[in-house]
Amino acid sequence: MTDLSPFFARYAERYMASDVDAIGAMYEAPLLALREGRVIHLADRTAVRAHLADVMAGYARSGAARADIAALDVVPLGKSSVFATVRWQVRDAKGALLRDFRTTYQLVRALEQWRILSYTNHDD
């Protein structure tokens, strides 16, 4: 089984630091995202970067300071792709829970690196 814990730990750390360049490098372009029932097609790296910067700014405005991985479930899709569902718990600087949600990512392994091809925020 593929261990994506280090990938998502780095993702969480850089995401909460609003490091758009580091997070953007973890994504493929084009990218397909599903957020709050809305399909988002991001055609190129510029669009992906702008999308990520916007979402990260929202987290910063909410007071989010860290994102913890409460659960990680990985389903292999052959040798070079997986579905990974992460249960995220986002907390403020005092440790208070701000959000508890799940996101499923489809990742592809290219040139020995995992990259996010698409993601779906669960709206349950």
N, C-alpha and C. Protein backbone atom coordinates (compact mmCIF):
# COMPACT_ATOMS: atom_id res chain seq x y z
N MET A 1 0.85 -1.18 0.00
CA MET A 1 0.00 0.00 0.00
C MET A 1 0.89 1.24 0.00
N THR A 2 0.45 2.24 -0.68
CA THR A 2 1.17 3.49 -0.80
C THR A 2 0.99 4.33 0.46
N ASP A 3 2.10 4.79 1.03
CA ASP A 3 2.03 5.66 2.21
C ASP A 3 2.11 7.11 1.76
N LEU A 4 0.98 7.77 1.79
CA LEU A 4 0.93 9.17 1.40
C LEU A 4 0.95 10.12 2.60
N SER A 5 1.18 9.58 3.78
CA SER A 5 1.22 10.42 4.98
C SER A 5 2.24 11.56 4.87
N PRO A 6 3.47 11.28 4.42
CA PRO A 6 4.45 12.37 4.29
C PRO A 6 4.01 13.43 3.27
N PHE A 7 3.41 12.99 2.18
CA PHE A 7 2.92 13.92 1.16
C PHE A 7 1.89 14.88 1.77
N PHE A 8 0.89 14.31 2.45
CA PHE A 8 -0.17 15.16 2.99
C PHE A 8 0.27 15.95 4.23
N ALA A 9 1.25 15.46 4.97
CA ALA A 9 1.79 16.24 6.08
C ALA A 9 2.48 17.50 5.54
N ARG A 10 3.26 17.33 4.49
CA ARG A 10 3.91 18.50 3.86
C ARG A 10 2.84 19.43 3.26
N TYR A 11 1.85 18.84 2.62
CA TYR A 11 0.76 19.62 2.04
C TYR A 11 0.10 20.49 3.12
N ALA A 12 -0.24 19.89 4.25
CA ALA A 12 -0.90 20.62 5.33
C ALA A 12 -0.02 21.75 5.85
N GLU A 13 1.26 21.45 6.04
CA GLU A 13 2.18 22.44 6.60
C GLU A 13 2.35 23.63 5.66
N ARG A 14 2.55 23.37 4.37
CA ARG A 14 2.74 24.44 3.40
C ARG A 14 1.43 25.18 3.12
N TYR A 15 0.30 24.46 3.17
CA TYR A 15 -1.00 25.08 2.94
C TYR A 15 -1.30 26.10 4.03
N MET A 16 -1.08 25.72 5.27
CA MET A 16 -1.34 26.63 6.38
C MET A 16 -0.35 27.79 6.42
N ALA A 17 0.80 27.62 5.77
CA ALA A 17 1.77 28.71 5.65
C ALA A 17 1.46 29.60 4.45
N SER A 18 0.37 29.27 3.73
CA SER A 18 -0.02 30.01 2.51
C SER A 18 1.10 30.06 1.48
N ASP A 19 1.82 28.94 1.36
CA ASP A 19 2.92 28.83 0.40
C ASP A 19 2.35 28.35 -0.94
N VAL A 20 1.84 29.30 -1.71
CA VAL A 20 1.16 28.98 -2.97
C VAL A 20 2.09 28.28 -3.94
N ASP A 21 3.34 28.66 -3.99
CA ASP A 21 4.27 28.03 -4.93
C ASP A 21 4.50 26.56 -4.58
N ALA A 22 4.73 26.26 -3.32
CA ALA A 22 4.97 24.87 -2.90
C ALA A 22 3.72 24.01 -3.13
N ILE A 23 2.56 24.55 -2.77
CA ILE A 23 1.32 23.79 -2.96
C ILE A 23 1.00 23.65 -4.44
N GLY A 24 1.17 24.71 -5.19
CA GLY A 24 0.92 24.66 -6.63
C GLY A 24 1.76 23.59 -7.32
N ALA A 25 2.98 23.38 -6.84
CA ALA A 25 3.86 22.36 -7.42
C ALA A 25 3.37 20.94 -7.13
N MET A 26 2.44 20.80 -6.19
CA MET A 26 1.91 19.48 -5.84
C MET A 26 0.68 19.12 -6.68
N TYR A 27 0.26 20.04 -7.55
CA TYR A 27 -0.91 19.86 -8.40
C TYR A 27 -0.53 19.73 -9.86
N GLU A 28 -1.35 19.01 -10.60
CA GLU A 28 -1.27 18.96 -12.05
C GLU A 28 -2.12 20.08 -12.63
N ALA A 29 -1.86 20.44 -13.85
CA ALA A 29 -2.73 21.35 -14.60
C ALA A 29 -2.91 20.73 -15.98
N PRO A 30 -4.12 20.68 -16.47
CA PRO A 30 -5.35 21.19 -15.87
C PRO A 30 -5.75 20.42 -14.62
N LEU A 31 -6.62 21.05 -13.82
CA LEU A 31 -7.11 20.49 -12.56
C LEU A 31 -8.63 20.57 -12.56
N LEU A 32 -9.25 19.54 -12.02
CA LEU A 32 -10.69 19.52 -11.83
C LEU A 32 -10.95 19.49 -10.33
N ALA A 33 -11.78 20.41 -9.85
CA ALA A 33 -12.11 20.48 -8.43
C ALA A 33 -13.62 20.51 -8.27
N LEU A 34 -14.09 19.95 -7.17
CA LEU A 34 -15.51 20.02 -6.82
C LEU A 34 -15.60 20.53 -5.40
N ARG A 35 -16.17 21.73 -5.24
CA ARG A 35 -16.30 22.39 -3.94
C ARG A 35 -17.74 22.85 -3.78
N GLU A 36 -18.36 22.43 -2.68
CA GLU A 36 -19.72 22.85 -2.36
C GLU A 36 -20.68 22.62 -3.52
N GLY A 37 -20.52 21.48 -4.20
CA GLY A 37 -21.40 21.13 -5.31
C GLY A 37 -21.11 21.85 -6.61
N ARG A 38 -20.05 22.62 -6.64
CA ARG A 38 -19.70 23.41 -7.82
C ARG A 38 -18.47 22.81 -8.49
N VAL A 39 -18.60 22.52 -9.78
CA VAL A 39 -17.48 21.99 -10.55
C VAL A 39 -16.60 23.16 -11.01
N ILE A 40 -15.29 23.02 -10.76
CA ILE A 40 -14.34 24.07 -11.12
C ILE A 40 -13.29 23.47 -12.05
N HIS A 41 -13.22 23.98 -13.28
CA HIS A 41 -12.22 23.55 -14.26
C HIS A 41 -11.11 24.59 -14.28
N LEU A 42 -9.91 24.17 -13.97
CA LEU A 42 -8.76 25.07 -13.95
C LEU A 42 -7.82 24.63 -15.07
N ALA A 43 -7.77 25.42 -16.12
CA ALA A 43 -7.17 24.99 -17.38
C ALA A 43 -5.64 24.98 -17.40
N ASP A 44 -5.00 25.82 -16.57
CA ASP A 44 -3.55 25.90 -16.64
C ASP A 44 -2.97 26.24 -15.27
N ARG A 45 -1.65 26.30 -15.20
CA ARG A 45 -0.97 26.54 -13.92
C ARG A 45 -1.35 27.90 -13.31
N THR A 46 -1.56 28.89 -14.15
CA THR A 46 -1.94 30.22 -13.65
C THR A 46 -3.30 30.14 -12.96
N ALA A 47 -4.25 29.44 -13.56
CA ALA A 47 -5.58 29.29 -12.96
C ALA A 47 -5.52 28.46 -11.68
N VAL A 48 -4.70 27.41 -11.68
CA VAL A 48 -4.55 26.58 -10.48
C VAL A 48 -3.97 27.43 -9.34
N ARG A 49 -2.94 28.19 -9.64
CA ARG A 49 -2.29 29.02 -8.62
C ARG A 49 -3.27 30.06 -8.06
N ALA A 50 -4.04 30.70 -8.93
CA ALA A 50 -5.01 31.71 -8.48
C ALA A 50 -6.09 31.07 -7.60
N HIS A 51 -6.55 29.88 -7.97
CA HIS A 51 -7.54 29.16 -7.17
C HIS A 51 -6.99 28.84 -5.78
N LEU A 52 -5.79 28.31 -5.74
CA LEU A 52 -5.18 27.95 -4.46
C LEU A 52 -4.95 29.18 -3.59
N ALA A 53 -4.48 30.25 -4.19
CA ALA A 53 -4.24 31.49 -3.43
C ALA A 53 -5.55 32.00 -2.81
N ASP A 54 -6.64 31.92 -3.56
CA ASP A 54 -7.93 32.37 -3.08
C ASP A 54 -8.41 31.52 -1.90
N VAL A 55 -8.30 30.20 -2.04
CA VAL A 55 -8.74 29.31 -0.96
C VAL A 55 -7.87 29.49 0.29
N MET A 56 -6.57 29.60 0.09
CA MET A 56 -5.66 29.81 1.23
C MET A 56 -5.96 31.12 1.94
N ALA A 57 -6.27 32.16 1.20
CA ALA A 57 -6.61 33.45 1.81
C ALA A 57 -7.85 33.32 2.68
N GLY A 58 -8.82 32.52 2.24
CA GLY A 58 -10.02 32.29 3.03
C GLY A 58 -9.70 31.61 4.35
N TYR A 59 -8.80 30.63 4.32
CA TYR A 59 -8.38 29.97 5.56
C TYR A 59 -7.69 30.96 6.49
N ALA A 60 -6.82 31.78 5.94
CA ALA A 60 -6.11 32.77 6.77
C ALA A 60 -7.10 33.73 7.41
N ARG A 61 -8.10 34.19 6.65
CA ARG A 61 -9.10 35.11 7.21
C ARG A 61 -9.92 34.46 8.32
N SER A 62 -10.10 33.13 8.24
CA SER A 62 -10.91 32.43 9.25
C SER A 62 -10.14 32.21 10.55
N GLY A 63 -8.83 32.49 10.55
CA GLY A 63 -8.01 32.27 11.74
C GLY A 63 -7.37 30.90 11.79
N ALA A 64 -7.46 30.14 10.72
CA ALA A 64 -6.86 28.81 10.67
C ALA A 64 -5.35 28.90 10.86
N ALA A 65 -4.82 28.05 11.74
CA ALA A 65 -3.39 28.04 12.00
C ALA A 65 -2.75 26.69 11.67
N ARG A 66 -3.54 25.62 11.73
CA ARG A 66 -2.98 24.31 11.39
C ARG A 66 -4.08 23.40 10.88
N ALA A 67 -3.66 22.44 10.07
CA ALA A 67 -4.56 21.42 9.54
C ALA A 67 -3.99 20.06 9.92
N ASP A 68 -4.77 19.31 10.69
CA ASP A 68 -4.35 17.99 11.13
C ASP A 68 -5.02 16.92 10.29
N ILE A 69 -4.29 15.85 10.02
CA ILE A 69 -4.84 14.71 9.31
C ILE A 69 -5.44 13.78 10.36
N ALA A 70 -6.78 13.74 10.43
CA ALA A 70 -7.46 12.87 11.40
C ALA A 70 -7.57 11.44 10.87
N ALA A 71 -7.62 11.29 9.54
CA ALA A 71 -7.69 9.96 8.91
C ALA A 71 -7.22 10.10 7.47
N LEU A 72 -6.63 9.03 6.97
CA LEU A 72 -6.17 8.98 5.58
C LEU A 72 -6.46 7.58 5.05
N ASP A 73 -7.27 7.51 3.99
CA ASP A 73 -7.63 6.24 3.36
C ASP A 73 -7.18 6.29 1.91
N VAL A 74 -6.35 5.32 1.50
CA VAL A 74 -5.78 5.31 0.16
C VAL A 74 -6.27 4.07 -0.59
N VAL A 75 -6.77 4.29 -1.81
CA VAL A 75 -7.21 3.20 -2.68
C VAL A 75 -6.34 3.24 -3.93
N PRO A 76 -5.47 2.25 -4.13
CA PRO A 76 -4.63 2.22 -5.33
C PRO A 76 -5.48 2.03 -6.59
N LEU A 77 -5.07 2.70 -7.64
CA LEU A 77 -5.71 2.57 -8.96
C LEU A 77 -4.62 2.15 -9.95
N GLY A 78 -4.12 0.95 -9.79
CA GLY A 78 -3.00 0.51 -10.60
C GLY A 78 -1.69 0.97 -9.97
N LYS A 79 -0.66 1.09 -10.81
CA LYS A 79 0.68 1.40 -10.30
C LYS A 79 0.96 2.90 -10.16
N SER A 80 0.22 3.73 -10.89
CA SER A 80 0.62 5.13 -10.92
C SER A 80 -0.48 6.11 -10.51
N SER A 81 -1.55 5.61 -9.90
CA SER A 81 -2.62 6.51 -9.49
C SER A 81 -3.30 5.97 -8.24
N VAL A 82 -3.83 6.88 -7.44
CA VAL A 82 -4.56 6.51 -6.22
C VAL A 82 -5.70 7.51 -6.01
N PHE A 83 -6.70 7.05 -5.26
CA PHE A 83 -7.64 7.95 -4.62
C PHE A 83 -7.23 8.01 -3.16
N ALA A 84 -7.11 9.20 -2.62
CA ALA A 84 -6.76 9.37 -1.21
C ALA A 84 -7.82 10.27 -0.57
N THR A 85 -8.48 9.74 0.45
CA THR A 85 -9.47 10.54 1.17
C THR A 85 -8.87 10.94 2.51
N VAL A 86 -8.81 12.25 2.74
CA VAL A 86 -8.24 12.79 3.96
C VAL A 86 -9.36 13.43 4.77
N ARG A 87 -9.41 13.08 6.04
CA ARG A 87 -10.29 13.80 6.97
C ARG A 87 -9.43 14.85 7.62
N TRP A 88 -9.72 16.10 7.31
CA TRP A 88 -8.97 17.23 7.82
C TRP A 88 -9.66 17.83 9.03
N GLN A 89 -8.87 18.23 9.99
CA GLN A 89 -9.36 19.01 11.13
C GLN A 89 -8.52 20.28 11.18
N VAL A 90 -9.18 21.39 10.91
CA VAL A 90 -8.51 22.68 10.85
C VAL A 90 -8.74 23.39 12.17
N ARG A 91 -7.65 23.89 12.76
CA ARG A 91 -7.70 24.50 14.09
C ARG A 91 -7.10 25.90 14.07
N ASP A 92 -7.53 26.71 15.02
CA ASP A 92 -6.95 28.04 15.17
C ASP A 92 -5.70 27.95 16.04
N ALA A 93 -5.09 29.09 16.31
CA ALA A 93 -3.82 29.12 17.05
C ALA A 93 -3.96 28.59 18.48
N LYS A 94 -5.16 28.62 19.05
CA LYS A 94 -5.38 28.10 20.40
C LYS A 94 -5.80 26.64 20.41
N GLY A 95 -5.92 26.04 19.22
CA GLY A 95 -6.28 24.63 19.12
C GLY A 95 -7.77 24.38 18.97
N ALA A 96 -8.57 25.43 18.91
CA ALA A 96 -10.02 25.26 18.74
C ALA A 96 -10.32 24.78 17.33
N LEU A 97 -11.23 23.83 17.22
CA LEU A 97 -11.61 23.26 15.94
C LEU A 97 -12.45 24.26 15.15
N LEU A 98 -11.98 24.56 13.94
CA LEU A 98 -12.71 25.47 13.05
C LEU A 98 -13.51 24.71 11.99
N ARG A 99 -12.91 23.64 11.47
CA ARG A 99 -13.55 22.83 10.43
C ARG A 99 -13.13 21.38 10.59
N ASP A 100 -14.06 20.48 10.30
CA ASP A 100 -13.81 19.03 10.27
C ASP A 100 -14.49 18.53 9.01
N PHE A 101 -13.71 18.13 8.02
CA PHE A 101 -14.27 17.77 6.72
C PHE A 101 -13.38 16.75 6.01
N ARG A 102 -13.92 16.18 4.94
CA ARG A 102 -13.17 15.21 4.14
C ARG A 102 -13.00 15.71 2.71
N THR A 103 -11.85 15.39 2.15
CA THR A 103 -11.56 15.68 0.74
C THR A 103 -10.96 14.42 0.13
N THR A 104 -11.44 14.08 -1.06
CA THR A 104 -10.85 12.98 -1.82
C THR A 104 -10.05 13.56 -2.97
N TYR A 105 -8.81 13.11 -3.06
CA TYR A 105 -7.88 13.56 -4.09
C TYR A 105 -7.59 12.39 -5.03
N GLN A 106 -7.49 12.65 -6.31
CA GLN A 106 -6.92 11.66 -7.22
C GLN A 106 -5.51 12.13 -7.51
N LEU A 107 -4.57 11.25 -7.22
CA LEU A 107 -3.16 11.57 -7.43
C LEU A 107 -2.58 10.68 -8.51
N VAL A 108 -1.62 11.22 -9.23
CA VAL A 108 -0.89 10.48 -10.24
C VAL A 108 0.60 10.55 -9.90
N ARG A 109 1.28 9.45 -10.12
CA ARG A 109 2.73 9.42 -9.86
C ARG A 109 3.44 9.58 -11.20
N ALA A 110 4.19 10.68 -11.31
CA ALA A 110 4.95 10.96 -12.53
C ALA A 110 6.33 11.45 -12.12
N LEU A 111 7.33 10.91 -12.77
CA LEU A 111 8.72 11.30 -12.47
C LEU A 111 9.03 11.14 -10.99
N GLU A 112 8.54 10.04 -10.39
CA GLU A 112 8.80 9.68 -9.00
C GLU A 112 8.18 10.64 -7.99
N GLN A 113 7.22 11.45 -8.41
CA GLN A 113 6.55 12.37 -7.49
C GLN A 113 5.04 12.22 -7.63
N TRP A 114 4.35 12.30 -6.49
CA TRP A 114 2.89 12.32 -6.50
C TRP A 114 2.42 13.74 -6.77
N ARG A 115 1.39 13.85 -7.62
CA ARG A 115 0.79 15.15 -7.92
C ARG A 115 -0.73 14.98 -7.93
N ILE A 116 -1.43 16.02 -7.49
CA ILE A 116 -2.88 15.98 -7.41
C ILE A 116 -3.47 16.33 -8.77
N LEU A 117 -4.28 15.42 -9.28
CA LEU A 117 -4.92 15.57 -10.58
C LEU A 117 -6.31 16.19 -10.44
N SER A 118 -7.00 15.84 -9.34
CA SER A 118 -8.33 16.40 -9.06
C SER A 118 -8.61 16.26 -7.58
N TYR A 119 -9.61 17.03 -7.12
CA TYR A 119 -10.05 16.85 -5.74
C TYR A 119 -11.54 17.14 -5.62
N THR A 120 -12.15 16.48 -4.62
CA THR A 120 -13.57 16.67 -4.32
C THR A 120 -13.70 16.91 -2.81
N ASN A 121 -14.23 18.06 -2.45
CA ASN A 121 -14.56 18.29 -1.04
C ASN A 121 -15.91 17.63 -0.78
N HIS A 122 -15.96 16.75 0.20
CA HIS A 122 -17.22 16.08 0.53
C HIS A 122 -18.16 17.11 1.14
N ASP A 123 -19.37 17.11 0.69
CA ASP A 123 -20.33 18.09 1.20
C ASP A 123 -21.35 17.45 2.15
N ASP A 124 -20.85 16.48 2.94
CA ASP A 124 -21.74 15.82 3.89
C ASP A 124 -21.63 16.43 5.27
